[in-house]
Amino acid sequence: MYGFLLALLVLDGVLLTVVILLQAGKGGGLAAMGGGVTAAEGVLGGRQAATFLTRATWTTAAIFMSLSFVLAILSSRQQQPGSVLQGALQAPAAPTPVVPNAQAPTEAPVVPAPPAQP
């Protein structure tokens, strides 16, 4: 379910990008911020009719936001939340000392018994 919704989100994001890039520029932009007739018409002017691309933008944006919200809820409800660093934080095993040119003793050393005194 999560993977399917994630695939839909990616597909919707690509579609939203295409729809936004297909729209024609409204004109003005930052140049209209300086004042003059263009800025007054932009602020006080009437609203343009909604085209197919405008409606498609609003629809795909609403679907994108909805899917993002649902996926955020689904990802926060994990059964066993765990950390990626959990395995790295475990204490390492104690190292064994290494002595050069030494062999491990295989038997206990034999000590000769002292001679018996009469």
PDB file of N, CA and C in Angstrom:
ATOM      1  N   MET A   1       0.829  -1.191   0.000  1.00  0.00           N
ATOM      2  CA  MET A   1       0.000   0.000   0.000  1.00  0.00           C
ATOM      3  C   MET A   1       0.877   1.260   0.000  1.00  0.00           C
ATOM      4  N   TYR A   2       1.891   1.240   0.868  1.00  0.00           N
ATOM      5  CA  TYR A   2       2.776   2.398   0.967  1.00  0.00           C
ATOM      6  C   TYR A   2       3.529   2.623  -0.348  1.00  0.00           C
ATOM      7  N   GLY A   3       4.029   1.542  -0.925  1.00  0.00           N
ATOM      8  CA  GLY A   3       4.765   1.648  -2.185  1.00  0.00           C
ATOM      9  C   GLY A   3       3.893   2.142  -3.322  1.00  0.00           C
ATOM     10  N   PHE A   4       2.646   1.679  -3.361  1.00  0.00           N
ATOM     11  CA  PHE A   4       1.711   2.122  -4.401  1.00  0.00           C
ATOM     12  C   PHE A   4       1.427   3.618  -4.273  1.00  0.00           C
ATOM     13  N   LEU A   5       1.175   4.080  -3.047  1.00  0.00           N
ATOM     14  CA  LEU A   5       0.912   5.507  -2.837  1.00  0.00           C
ATOM     15  C   LEU A   5       2.146   6.346  -3.138  1.00  0.00           C
ATOM     16  N   LEU A   6       3.317   5.825  -2.836  1.00  0.00           N
ATOM     17  CA  LEU A   6       4.541   6.549  -3.138  1.00  0.00           C
ATOM     18  C   LEU A   6       4.743   6.664  -4.648  1.00  0.00           C
ATOM     19  N   ALA A   7       4.432   5.601  -5.372  1.00  0.00           N
ATOM     20  CA  ALA A   7       4.528   5.653  -6.837  1.00  0.00           C
ATOM     21  C   ALA A   7       3.536   6.667  -7.405  1.00  0.00           C
ATOM     22  N   LEU A   8       2.328   6.716  -6.847  1.00  0.00           N
ATOM     23  CA  LEU A   8       1.348   7.722  -7.288  1.00  0.00           C
ATOM     24  C   LEU A   8       1.837   9.141  -7.008  1.00  0.00           C
ATOM     25  N   LEU A   9       2.489   9.325  -5.865  1.00  0.00           N
ATOM     26  CA  LEU A   9       3.009  10.651  -5.513  1.00  0.00           C
ATOM     27  C   LEU A   9       4.078  11.094  -6.498  1.00  0.00           C
ATOM     28  N   VAL A  10       4.981  10.198  -6.869  1.00  0.00           N
ATOM     29  CA  VAL A  10       6.032  10.542  -7.822  1.00  0.00           C
ATOM     30  C   VAL A  10       5.423  10.848  -9.191  1.00  0.00           C
ATOM     31  N   LEU A  11       4.468  10.029  -9.621  1.00  0.00           N
ATOM     32  CA  LEU A  11       3.810  10.258 -10.902  1.00  0.00           C
ATOM     33  C   LEU A  11       3.062  11.595 -10.911  1.00  0.00           C
ATOM     34  N   ASP A  12       2.380  11.901  -9.816  1.00  0.00           N
ATOM     35  CA  ASP A  12       1.661  13.162  -9.714  1.00  0.00           C
ATOM     36  C   ASP A  12       2.627  14.344  -9.686  1.00  0.00           C
ATOM     37  N   GLY A  13       3.775  14.171  -9.053  1.00  0.00           N
ATOM     38  CA  GLY A  13       4.772  15.243  -9.029  1.00  0.00           C
ATOM     39  C   GLY A  13       5.312  15.549 -10.414  1.00  0.00           C
ATOM     40  N   VAL A  14       5.537  14.513 -11.196  1.00  0.00           N
ATOM     41  CA  VAL A  14       6.003  14.718 -12.577  1.00  0.00           C
ATOM     42  C   VAL A  14       4.917  15.407 -13.396  1.00  0.00           C
ATOM     43  N   LEU A  15       3.671  14.962 -13.248  1.00  0.00           N
ATOM     44  CA  LEU A  15       2.561  15.577 -13.976  1.00  0.00           C
ATOM     45  C   LEU A  15       2.370  17.038 -13.574  1.00  0.00           C
ATOM     46  N   LEU A  16       2.498  17.324 -12.289  1.00  0.00           N
ATOM     47  CA  LEU A  16       2.367  18.702 -11.804  1.00  0.00           C
ATOM     48  C   LEU A  16       3.462  19.586 -12.393  1.00  0.00           C
ATOM     49  N   THR A  17       4.663  19.065 -12.467  1.00  0.00           N
ATOM     50  CA  THR A  17       5.764  19.836 -13.055  1.00  0.00           C
ATOM     51  C   THR A  17       5.503  20.137 -14.523  1.00  0.00           C
ATOM     52  N   VAL A  18       5.020  19.155 -15.265  1.00  0.00           N
ATOM     53  CA  VAL A  18       4.741  19.356 -16.687  1.00  0.00           C
ATOM     54  C   VAL A  18       3.625  20.382 -16.879  1.00  0.00           C
ATOM     55  N   VAL A  19       2.562  20.281 -16.085  1.00  0.00           N
ATOM     56  CA  VAL A  19       1.430  21.207 -16.226  1.00  0.00           C
ATOM     57  C   VAL A  19       1.855  22.634 -15.899  1.00  0.00           C
ATOM     58  N   ILE A  20       2.691  22.808 -14.885  1.00  0.00           N
ATOM     59  CA  ILE A  20       3.145  24.160 -14.532  1.00  0.00           C
ATOM     60  C   ILE A  20       4.032  24.736 -15.622  1.00  0.00           C
ATOM     61  N   LEU A  21       4.906  23.912 -16.184  1.00  0.00           N
ATOM     62  CA  LEU A  21       5.811  24.419 -17.220  1.00  0.00           C
ATOM     63  C   LEU A  21       5.093  24.707 -18.535  1.00  0.00           C
ATOM     64  N   LEU A  22       3.935  24.095 -18.770  1.00  0.00           N
ATOM     65  CA  LEU A  22       3.187  24.358 -19.995  1.00  0.00           C
ATOM     66  C   LEU A  22       2.404  25.667 -19.952  1.00  0.00           C
ATOM     67  N   GLN A  23       2.198  26.221 -18.773  1.00  0.00           N
ATOM     68  CA  GLN A  23       1.405  27.440 -18.669  1.00  0.00           C
ATOM     69  C   GLN A  23       2.165  28.629 -19.227  1.00  0.00           C
ATOM     70  N   ALA A  24       1.397  29.539 -19.793  1.00  0.00           N
ATOM     71  CA  ALA A  24       1.988  30.760 -20.319  1.00  0.00           C
ATOM     72  C   ALA A  24       2.247  31.724 -19.167  1.00  0.00           C
ATOM     73  N   GLY A  25       3.295  32.534 -19.303  1.00  0.00           N
ATOM     74  CA  GLY A  25       3.610  33.522 -18.279  1.00  0.00           C
ATOM     75  C   GLY A  25       2.535  34.596 -18.204  1.00  0.00           C
ATOM     76  N   LYS A  26       2.291  35.081 -17.010  1.00  0.00           N
ATOM     77  CA  LYS A  26       1.266  36.115 -16.830  1.00  0.00           C
ATOM     78  C   LYS A  26       1.802  37.495 -17.175  1.00  0.00           C
ATOM     79  N   GLY A  27       3.106  37.640 -17.322  1.00  0.00           N
ATOM     80  CA  GLY A  27       3.689  38.937 -17.644  1.00  0.00           C
ATOM     81  C   GLY A  27       3.991  39.725 -16.377  1.00  0.00           C
ATOM     82  N   GLY A  28       4.882  40.677 -16.497  1.00  0.00           N
ATOM     83  CA  GLY A  28       5.210  41.502 -15.336  1.00  0.00           C
ATOM     84  C   GLY A  28       6.253  40.830 -14.470  1.00  0.00           C
ATOM     85  N   GLY A  29       5.832  39.995 -13.577  1.00  0.00           N
ATOM     86  CA  GLY A  29       6.759  39.337 -12.666  1.00  0.00           C
ATOM     87  C   GLY A  29       7.355  40.343 -11.699  1.00  0.00           C
ATOM     88  N   LEU A  30       8.643  40.281 -11.484  1.00  0.00           N
ATOM     89  CA  LEU A  30       9.300  41.204 -10.564  1.00  0.00           C
ATOM     90  C   LEU A  30       9.413  42.605 -11.141  1.00  0.00           C
ATOM     91  N   ALA A  31       9.345  42.733 -12.446  1.00  0.00           N
ATOM     92  CA  ALA A  31       9.427  44.058 -13.058  1.00  0.00           C
ATOM     93  C   ALA A  31       8.217  44.903 -12.696  1.00  0.00           C
ATOM     94  N   ALA A  32       7.082  44.272 -12.432  1.00  0.00           N
ATOM     95  CA  ALA A  32       5.861  45.012 -12.089  1.00  0.00           C
ATOM     96  C   ALA A  32       5.870  45.501 -10.651  1.00  0.00           C
ATOM     97  N   MET A  33       6.812  45.043  -9.852  1.00  0.00           N
ATOM     98  CA  MET A  33       6.845  45.430  -8.440  1.00  0.00           C
ATOM     99  C   MET A  33       7.319  46.868  -8.262  1.00  0.00           C
ATOM    100  N   GLY A  34       8.000  47.430  -9.260  1.00  0.00           N
ATOM    101  CA  GLY A  34       8.549  48.775  -9.128  1.00  0.00           C
ATOM    102  C   GLY A  34       7.503  49.876  -9.179  1.00  0.00           C
ATOM    103  N   GLY A  35       6.307  49.578  -9.577  1.00  0.00           N
ATOM    104  CA  GLY A  35       5.273  50.603  -9.659  1.00  0.00           C
ATOM    105  C   GLY A  35       4.896  50.869 -11.097  1.00  0.00           C
ATOM    106  N   GLY A  36       4.079  51.879 -11.298  1.00  0.00           N
ATOM    107  CA  GLY A  36       3.661  52.220 -12.654  1.00  0.00           C
ATOM    108  C   GLY A  36       2.322  51.597 -12.982  1.00  0.00           C
ATOM    109  N   VAL A  37       1.964  51.693 -14.232  1.00  0.00           N
ATOM    110  CA  VAL A  37       0.658  51.248 -14.684  1.00  0.00           C
ATOM    111  C   VAL A  37       0.542  49.726 -14.610  1.00  0.00           C
ATOM    112  N   THR A  38       1.597  49.005 -14.916  1.00  0.00           N
ATOM    113  CA  THR A  38       1.541  47.552 -14.934  1.00  0.00           C
ATOM    114  C   THR A  38       1.255  46.996 -13.547  1.00  0.00           C
ATOM    115  N   ALA A  39       1.860  47.573 -12.517  1.00  0.00           N
ATOM    116  CA  ALA A  39       1.639  47.100 -11.153  1.00  0.00           C
ATOM    117  C   ALA A  39       0.216  47.395 -10.709  1.00  0.00           C
ATOM    118  N   ALA A  40      -0.311  48.549 -11.062  1.00  0.00           N
ATOM    119  CA  ALA A  40      -1.676  48.897 -10.669  1.00  0.00           C
ATOM    120  C   ALA A  40      -2.686  47.984 -11.349  1.00  0.00           C
ATOM    121  N   GLU A  41      -2.461  47.641 -12.593  1.00  0.00           N
ATOM    122  CA  GLU A  41      -3.372  46.735 -13.276  1.00  0.00           C
ATOM    123  C   GLU A  41      -3.306  45.332 -12.697  1.00  0.00           C
ATOM    124  N   GLY A  42      -2.116  44.922 -12.268  1.00  0.00           N
ATOM    125  CA  GLY A  42      -1.965  43.591 -11.694  1.00  0.00           C
ATOM    126  C   GLY A  42      -2.667  43.466 -10.358  1.00  0.00           C
ATOM    127  N   VAL A  43      -2.636  44.512  -9.550  1.00  0.00           N
ATOM    128  CA  VAL A  43      -3.251  44.466  -8.225  1.00  0.00           C
ATOM    129  C   VAL A  43      -4.743  44.753  -8.315  1.00  0.00           C
ATOM    130  N   LEU A  44      -5.123  45.761  -9.081  1.00  0.00           N
ATOM    131  CA  LEU A  44      -6.515  46.190  -9.137  1.00  0.00           C
ATOM    132  C   LEU A  44      -7.278  45.592 -10.307  1.00  0.00           C
ATOM    133  N   GLY A  45      -6.607  44.905 -11.177  1.00  0.00           N
ATOM    134  CA  GLY A  45      -7.240  44.373 -12.379  1.00  0.00           C
ATOM    135  C   GLY A  45      -8.154  43.201 -12.065  1.00  0.00           C
ATOM    136  N   GLY A  46      -8.958  42.852 -13.047  1.00  0.00           N
ATOM    137  CA  GLY A  46      -9.883  41.737 -12.891  1.00  0.00           C
ATOM    138  C   GLY A  46      -9.161  40.397 -12.975  1.00  0.00           C
ATOM    139  N   ARG A  47      -9.868  39.389 -12.569  1.00  0.00           N
ATOM    140  CA  ARG A  47      -9.297  38.047 -12.573  1.00  0.00           C
ATOM    141  C   ARG A  47      -9.521  37.414 -13.948  1.00  0.00           C
ATOM    142  N   GLN A  48      -8.510  36.700 -14.416  1.00  0.00           N
ATOM    143  CA  GLN A  48      -8.636  36.068 -15.718  1.00  0.00           C
ATOM    144  C   GLN A  48      -9.445  34.786 -15.594  1.00  0.00           C
ATOM    145  N   ALA A  49      -9.997  34.346 -16.711  1.00  0.00           N
ATOM    146  CA  ALA A  49     -10.777  33.111 -16.724  1.00  0.00           C
ATOM    147  C   ALA A  49      -9.853  31.915 -16.487  1.00  0.00           C
ATOM    148  N   ALA A  50     -10.358  30.944 -15.757  1.00  0.00           N
ATOM    149  CA  ALA A  50      -9.571  29.753 -15.459  1.00  0.00           C
ATOM    150  C   ALA A  50      -9.483  28.871 -16.698  1.00  0.00           C
ATOM    151  N   THR A  51      -8.291  28.580 -17.106  1.00  0.00           N
ATOM    152  CA  THR A  51      -8.086  27.719 -18.263  1.00  0.00           C
ATOM    153  C   THR A  51      -7.968  26.269 -17.805  1.00  0.00           C
ATOM    154  N   PHE A  52      -7.848  25.394 -18.781  1.00  0.00           N
ATOM    155  CA  PHE A  52      -7.687  23.971 -18.471  1.00  0.00           C
ATOM    156  C   PHE A  52      -6.401  23.737 -17.673  1.00  0.00           C
ATOM    157  N   LEU A  53      -5.327  24.419 -18.060  1.00  0.00           N
ATOM    158  CA  LEU A  53      -4.055  24.233 -17.370  1.00  0.00           C
ATOM    159  C   LEU A  53      -4.102  24.751 -15.929  1.00  0.00           C
ATOM    160  N   THR A  54      -4.847  25.816 -15.693  1.00  0.00           N
ATOM    161  CA  THR A  54      -4.980  26.331 -14.324  1.00  0.00           C
ATOM    162  C   THR A  54      -5.734  25.335 -13.460  1.00  0.00           C
ATOM    163  N   ARG A  55      -6.817  24.791 -13.985  1.00  0.00           N
ATOM    164  CA  ARG A  55      -7.584  23.787 -13.225  1.00  0.00           C
ATOM    165  C   ARG A  55      -6.764  22.524 -13.006  1.00  0.00           C
ATOM    166  N   ALA A  56      -5.999  22.127 -14.016  1.00  0.00           N
ATOM    167  CA  ALA A  56      -5.155  20.941 -13.876  1.00  0.00           C
ATOM    168  C   ALA A  56      -4.067  21.174 -12.824  1.00  0.00           C
ATOM    169  N   THR A  57      -3.548  22.384 -12.752  1.00  0.00           N
ATOM    170  CA  THR A  57      -2.545  22.700 -11.741  1.00  0.00           C
ATOM    171  C   THR A  57      -3.126  22.584 -10.343  1.00  0.00           C
ATOM    172  N   TRP A  58      -4.297  23.166 -10.138  1.00  0.00           N
ATOM    173  CA  TRP A  58      -4.927  23.102  -8.815  1.00  0.00           C
ATOM    174  C   TRP A  58      -5.276  21.657  -8.435  1.00  0.00           C
ATOM    175  N   THR A  59      -5.750  20.898  -9.400  1.00  0.00           N
ATOM    176  CA  THR A  59      -6.130  19.506  -9.117  1.00  0.00           C
ATOM    177  C   THR A  59      -4.915  18.659  -8.768  1.00  0.00           C
ATOM    178  N   THR A  60      -3.876  18.748  -9.594  1.00  0.00           N
ATOM    179  CA  THR A  60      -2.688  17.941  -9.310  1.00  0.00           C
ATOM    180  C   THR A  60      -1.988  18.395  -8.035  1.00  0.00           C
ATOM    181  N   ALA A  61      -2.029  19.688  -7.736  1.00  0.00           N
ATOM    182  CA  ALA A  61      -1.436  20.172  -6.487  1.00  0.00           C
ATOM    183  C   ALA A  61      -2.218  19.653  -5.276  1.00  0.00           C
ATOM    184  N   ALA A  62      -3.538  19.609  -5.372  1.00  0.00           N
ATOM    185  CA  ALA A  62      -4.351  19.085  -4.264  1.00  0.00           C
ATOM    186  C   ALA A  62      -4.094  17.589  -4.060  1.00  0.00           C
ATOM    187  N   ILE A  63      -3.970  16.850  -5.161  1.00  0.00           N
ATOM    188  CA  ILE A  63      -3.670  15.414  -5.055  1.00  0.00           C
ATOM    189  C   ILE A  63      -2.281  15.211  -4.452  1.00  0.00           C
ATOM    190  N   PHE A  64      -1.321  16.029  -4.857  1.00  0.00           N
ATOM    191  CA  PHE A  64       0.037  15.925  -4.328  1.00  0.00           C
ATOM    192  C   PHE A  64       0.061  16.178  -2.823  1.00  0.00           C
ATOM    193  N   MET A  65      -0.633  17.210  -2.385  1.00  0.00           N
ATOM    194  CA  MET A  65      -0.660  17.526  -0.947  1.00  0.00           C
ATOM    195  C   MET A  65      -1.379  16.429  -0.164  1.00  0.00           C
ATOM    196  N   SER A  66      -2.463  15.909  -0.693  1.00  0.00           N
ATOM    197  CA  SER A  66      -3.203  14.846  -0.012  1.00  0.00           C
ATOM    198  C   SER A  66      -2.365  13.573   0.119  1.00  0.00           C
ATOM    199  N   LEU A  67      -1.725  13.174  -0.970  1.00  0.00           N
ATOM    200  CA  LEU A  67      -0.879  11.982  -0.924  1.00  0.00           C
ATOM    201  C   LEU A  67       0.301  12.168   0.019  1.00  0.00           C
ATOM    202  N   SER A  68       0.873  13.351   0.040  1.00  0.00           N
ATOM    203  CA  SER A  68       1.980  13.623   0.958  1.00  0.00           C
ATOM    204  C   SER A  68       1.532  13.508   2.403  1.00  0.00           C
ATOM    205  N   PHE A  69       0.362  14.018   2.689  1.00  0.00           N
ATOM    206  CA  PHE A  69      -0.176  13.954   4.053  1.00  0.00           C
ATOM    207  C   PHE A  69      -0.448  12.507   4.466  1.00  0.00           C
ATOM    208  N   VAL A  70      -1.060  11.737   3.575  1.00  0.00           N
ATOM    209  CA  VAL A  70      -1.362  10.334   3.885  1.00  0.00           C
ATOM    210  C   VAL A  70      -0.074   9.532   4.079  1.00  0.00           C
ATOM    211  N   LEU A  71       0.924   9.757   3.219  1.00  0.00           N
ATOM    212  CA  LEU A  71       2.186   9.036   3.355  1.00  0.00           C
ATOM    213  C   LEU A  71       2.942   9.429   4.620  1.00  0.00           C
ATOM    214  N   ALA A  72       2.818  10.679   5.033  1.00  0.00           N
ATOM    215  CA  ALA A  72       3.454  11.098   6.288  1.00  0.00           C
ATOM    216  C   ALA A  72       2.819  10.389   7.479  1.00  0.00           C
ATOM    217  N   ILE A  73       1.502  10.225   7.448  1.00  0.00           N
ATOM    218  CA  ILE A  73       0.825   9.516   8.533  1.00  0.00           C
ATOM    219  C   ILE A  73       1.200   8.042   8.527  1.00  0.00           C
ATOM    220  N   LEU A  74       1.228   7.434   7.345  1.00  0.00           N
ATOM    221  CA  LEU A  74       1.571   6.014   7.256  1.00  0.00           C
ATOM    222  C   LEU A  74       3.011   5.748   7.695  1.00  0.00           C
ATOM    223  N   SER A  75       3.929   6.628   7.373  1.00  0.00           N
ATOM    224  CA  SER A  75       5.325   6.383   7.739  1.00  0.00           C
ATOM    225  C   SER A  75       5.565   6.622   9.226  1.00  0.00           C
ATOM    226  N   SER A  76       4.720   7.398   9.880  1.00  0.00           N
ATOM    227  CA  SER A  76       4.908   7.628  11.320  1.00  0.00           C
ATOM    228  C   SER A  76       4.318   6.506  12.155  1.00  0.00           C
ATOM    229  N   ARG A  77       3.570   5.601  11.553  1.00  0.00           N
ATOM    230  CA  ARG A  77       2.946   4.500  12.300  1.00  0.00           C
ATOM    231  C   ARG A  77       3.684   3.186  12.096  1.00  0.00           C
ATOM    232  N   GLN A  78       4.970   3.220  12.136  1.00  0.00           N
ATOM    233  CA  GLN A  78       5.754   1.995  11.998  1.00  0.00           C
ATOM    234  C   GLN A  78       5.636   1.178  13.270  1.00  0.00           C
ATOM    235  N   GLN A  79       5.652  -0.157  13.122  1.00  0.00           N
ATOM    236  CA  GLN A  79       5.509  -1.037  14.269  1.00  0.00           C
ATOM    237  C   GLN A  79       6.749  -1.005  15.159  1.00  0.00           C
ATOM    238  N   GLN A  80       7.904  -1.118  14.581  1.00  0.00           N
ATOM    239  CA  GLN A  80       9.147  -1.153  15.324  1.00  0.00           C
ATOM    240  C   GLN A  80      10.055  -0.022  14.845  1.00  0.00           C
ATOM    241  N   PRO A  81       9.894   1.170  15.377  1.00  0.00           N
ATOM    242  CA  PRO A  81      10.801   2.227  14.933  1.00  0.00           C
ATOM    243  C   PRO A  81      12.209   1.936  15.438  1.00  0.00           C
ATOM    244  N   GLY A  82      13.153   2.034  14.575  1.00  0.00           N
ATOM    245  CA  GLY A  82      14.528   1.755  14.956  1.00  0.00           C
ATOM    246  C   GLY A  82      15.464   2.762  14.327  1.00  0.00           C
ATOM    247  N   SER A  83      16.641   2.795  14.864  1.00  0.00           N
ATOM    248  CA  SER A  83      17.633   3.722  14.377  1.00  0.00           C
ATOM    249  C   SER A  83      18.621   2.998  13.481  1.00  0.00           C
ATOM    250  N   VAL A  84      19.109   3.676  12.498  1.00  0.00           N
ATOM    251  CA  VAL A  84      20.119   3.115  11.628  1.00  0.00           C
ATOM    252  C   VAL A  84      21.435   2.965  12.385  1.00  0.00           C
ATOM    253  N   LEU A  85      21.649   3.833  13.360  1.00  0.00           N
ATOM    254  CA  LEU A  85      22.896   3.826  14.109  1.00  0.00           C
ATOM    255  C   LEU A  85      22.898   2.833  15.261  1.00  0.00           C
ATOM    256  N   GLN A  86      21.817   2.111  15.487  1.00  0.00           N
ATOM    257  CA  GLN A  86      21.743   1.194  16.617  1.00  0.00           C
ATOM    258  C   GLN A  86      22.833   0.141  16.558  1.00  0.00           C
ATOM    259  N   GLY A  87      23.091  -0.431  15.417  1.00  0.00           N
ATOM    260  CA  GLY A  87      24.124  -1.450  15.284  1.00  0.00           C
ATOM    261  C   GLY A  87      25.522  -0.879  15.471  1.00  0.00           C
ATOM    262  N   ALA A  88      25.724   0.373  15.113  1.00  0.00           N
ATOM    263  CA  ALA A  88      27.045   0.989  15.224  1.00  0.00           C
ATOM    264  C   ALA A  88      27.372   1.379  16.658  1.00  0.00           C
ATOM    265  N   LEU A  89      26.363   1.536  17.500  1.00  0.00           N
ATOM    266  CA  LEU A  89      26.595   1.975  18.868  1.00  0.00           C
ATOM    267  C   LEU A  89      26.890   0.831  19.822  1.00  0.00           C
ATOM    268  N   GLN A  90      26.814  -0.405  19.387  1.00  0.00           N
ATOM    269  CA  GLN A  90      27.112  -1.533  20.257  1.00  0.00           C
ATOM    270  C   GLN A  90      28.607  -1.562  20.550  1.00  0.00           C
ATOM    271  N   ALA A  91      28.938  -1.959  21.796  1.00  0.00           N
ATOM    272  CA  ALA A  91      30.347  -2.000  22.206  1.00  0.00           C
ATOM    273  C   ALA A  91      31.070  -3.126  21.466  1.00  0.00           C
ATOM    274  N   PRO A  92      32.260  -2.854  20.970  1.00  0.00           N
ATOM    275  CA  PRO A  92      33.003  -3.902  20.295  1.00  0.00           C
ATOM    276  C   PRO A  92      33.554  -4.914  21.301  1.00  0.00           C
ATOM    277  N   ALA A  93      33.873  -6.095  20.822  1.00  0.00           N
ATOM    278  CA  ALA A  93      34.436  -7.138  21.682  1.00  0.00           C
ATOM    279  C   ALA A  93      35.821  -6.707  22.148  1.00  0.00           C
ATOM    280  N   ALA A  94      36.201  -7.176  23.357  1.00  0.00           N
ATOM    281  CA  ALA A  94      37.506  -6.827  23.912  1.00  0.00           C
ATOM    282  C   ALA A  94      38.603  -7.440  23.048  1.00  0.00           C
ATOM    283  N   PRO A  95      39.588  -6.658  22.656  1.00  0.00           N
ATOM    284  CA  PRO A  95      40.649  -7.200  21.807  1.00  0.00           C
ATOM    285  C   PRO A  95      41.584  -8.100  22.613  1.00  0.00           C
ATOM    286  N   THR A  96      42.123  -9.089  21.953  1.00  0.00           N
ATOM    287  CA  THR A  96      43.096  -9.964  22.607  1.00  0.00           C
ATOM    288  C   THR A  96      44.489  -9.412  22.334  1.00  0.00           C
ATOM    289  N   PRO A  97      45.347  -9.404  23.359  1.00  0.00           N
ATOM    290  CA  PRO A  97      46.688  -8.849  23.154  1.00  0.00           C
ATOM    291  C   PRO A  97      47.508  -9.754  22.231  1.00  0.00           C
ATOM    292  N   VAL A  98      48.317  -9.149  21.424  1.00  0.00           N
ATOM    293  CA  VAL A  98      49.151  -9.876  20.484  1.00  0.00           C
ATOM    294  C   VAL A  98      50.607  -9.629  20.861  1.00  0.00           C
ATOM    295  N   VAL A  99      51.334 -10.724  21.134  1.00  0.00           N
ATOM    296  CA  VAL A  99      52.751 -10.627  21.467  1.00  0.00           C
ATOM    297  C   VAL A  99      53.532 -11.184  20.286  1.00  0.00           C
ATOM    298  N   PRO A 100      54.473 -10.433  19.742  1.00  0.00           N
ATOM    299  CA  PRO A 100      55.208 -10.930  18.581  1.00  0.00           C
ATOM    300  C   PRO A 100      56.105 -12.119  18.950  1.00  0.00           C
ATOM    301  N   ASN A 101      56.216 -13.072  18.053  1.00  0.00           N
ATOM    302  CA  ASN A 101      57.080 -14.259  18.184  1.00  0.00           C
ATOM    303  C   ASN A 101      56.786 -15.068  19.438  1.00  0.00           C
ATOM    304  N   ALA A 102      55.598 -15.117  19.838  1.00  0.00           N
ATOM    305  CA  ALA A 102      55.248 -15.922  21.008  1.00  0.00           C
ATOM    306  C   ALA A 102      54.244 -16.971  20.585  1.00  0.00           C
ATOM    307  N   GLN A 103      54.403 -18.157  21.165  1.00  0.00           N
ATOM    308  CA  GLN A 103      53.466 -19.230  20.889  1.00  0.00           C
ATOM    309  C   GLN A 103      52.678 -19.515  22.147  1.00  0.00           C
ATOM    310  N   ALA A 104      51.472 -19.901  21.953  1.00  0.00           N
ATOM    311  CA  ALA A 104      50.628 -20.220  23.109  1.00  0.00           C
ATOM    312  C   ALA A 104      51.128 -21.517  23.742  1.00  0.00           C
ATOM    313  N   PRO A 105      51.225 -21.587  25.064  1.00  0.00           N
ATOM    314  CA  PRO A 105      51.675 -22.832  25.706  1.00  0.00           C
ATOM    315  C   PRO A 105      50.614 -23.908  25.526  1.00  0.00           C
ATOM    316  N   THR A 106      51.100 -25.122  25.193  1.00  0.00           N
ATOM    317  CA  THR A 106      50.175 -26.223  24.995  1.00  0.00           C
ATOM    318  C   THR A 106      50.011 -27.043  26.273  1.00  0.00           C
ATOM    319  N   GLU A 107      51.060 -27.107  27.089  1.00  0.00           N
ATOM    320  CA  GLU A 107      50.999 -27.861  28.338  1.00  0.00           C
ATOM    321  C   GLU A 107      51.590 -27.018  29.448  1.00  0.00           C
ATOM    322  N   ALA A 108      51.271 -27.415  30.655  1.00  0.00           N
ATOM    323  CA  ALA A 108      51.874 -26.736  31.798  1.00  0.00           C
ATOM    324  C   ALA A 108      53.343 -27.155  31.897  1.00  0.00           C
ATOM    325  N   PRO A 109      54.231 -26.252  32.246  1.00  0.00           N
ATOM    326  CA  PRO A 109      55.644 -26.621  32.336  1.00  0.00           C
ATOM    327  C   PRO A 109      55.867 -27.650  33.463  1.00  0.00           C
ATOM    328  N   VAL A 110      56.765 -28.580  33.196  1.00  0.00           N
ATOM    329  CA  VAL A 110      57.078 -29.618  34.182  1.00  0.00           C
ATOM    330  C   VAL A 110      58.254 -29.139  35.022  1.00  0.00           C
ATOM    331  N   VAL A 111      58.049 -29.096  36.322  1.00  0.00           N
ATOM    332  CA  VAL A 111      59.098 -28.674  37.239  1.00  0.00           C
ATOM    333  C   VAL A 111      59.641 -29.946  37.929  1.00  0.00           C
ATOM    334  N   PRO A 112      60.963 -30.195  37.885  1.00  0.00           N
ATOM    335  CA  PRO A 112      61.481 -31.404  38.539  1.00  0.00           C
ATOM    336  C   PRO A 112      61.339 -31.305  40.062  1.00  0.00           C
ATOM    337  N   ALA A 113      61.067 -32.439  40.676  1.00  0.00           N
ATOM    338  CA  ALA A 113      60.886 -32.482  42.129  1.00  0.00           C
ATOM    339  C   ALA A 113      62.256 -32.398  42.794  1.00  0.00           C
ATOM    340  N   PRO A 114      62.327 -31.730  43.928  1.00  0.00           N
ATOM    341  CA  PRO A 114      63.626 -31.635  44.610  1.00  0.00           C
ATOM    342  C   PRO A 114      64.025 -33.023  45.169  1.00  0.00           C
ATOM    343  N   PRO A 115      65.322 -33.301  45.241  1.00  0.00           N
ATOM    344  CA  PRO A 115      65.757 -34.611  45.760  1.00  0.00           C
ATOM    345  C   PRO A 115      65.357 -34.774  47.230  1.00  0.00           C
ATOM    346  N   ALA A 116      65.031 -35.972  47.571  1.00  0.00           N
ATOM    347  CA  ALA A 116      64.605 -36.259  48.943  1.00  0.00           C
ATOM    348  C   ALA A 116      65.820 -36.304  49.859  1.00  0.00           C
ATOM    349  N   GLN A 117      65.746 -35.789  51.038  1.00  0.00           N
ATOM    350  CA  GLN A 117      66.856 -35.768  51.987  1.00  0.00           C
ATOM    351  C   GLN A 117      66.649 -36.864  53.033  1.00  0.00           C
ATOM    352  N   PRO A 118      67.736 -37.654  53.360  1.00  0.00           N
ATOM    353  CA  PRO A 118      67.587 -38.736  54.365  1.00  0.00           C
ATOM    354  C   PRO A 118      67.681 -38.292  55.765  1.00  0.00           C
TER     355      PRO A 118
END
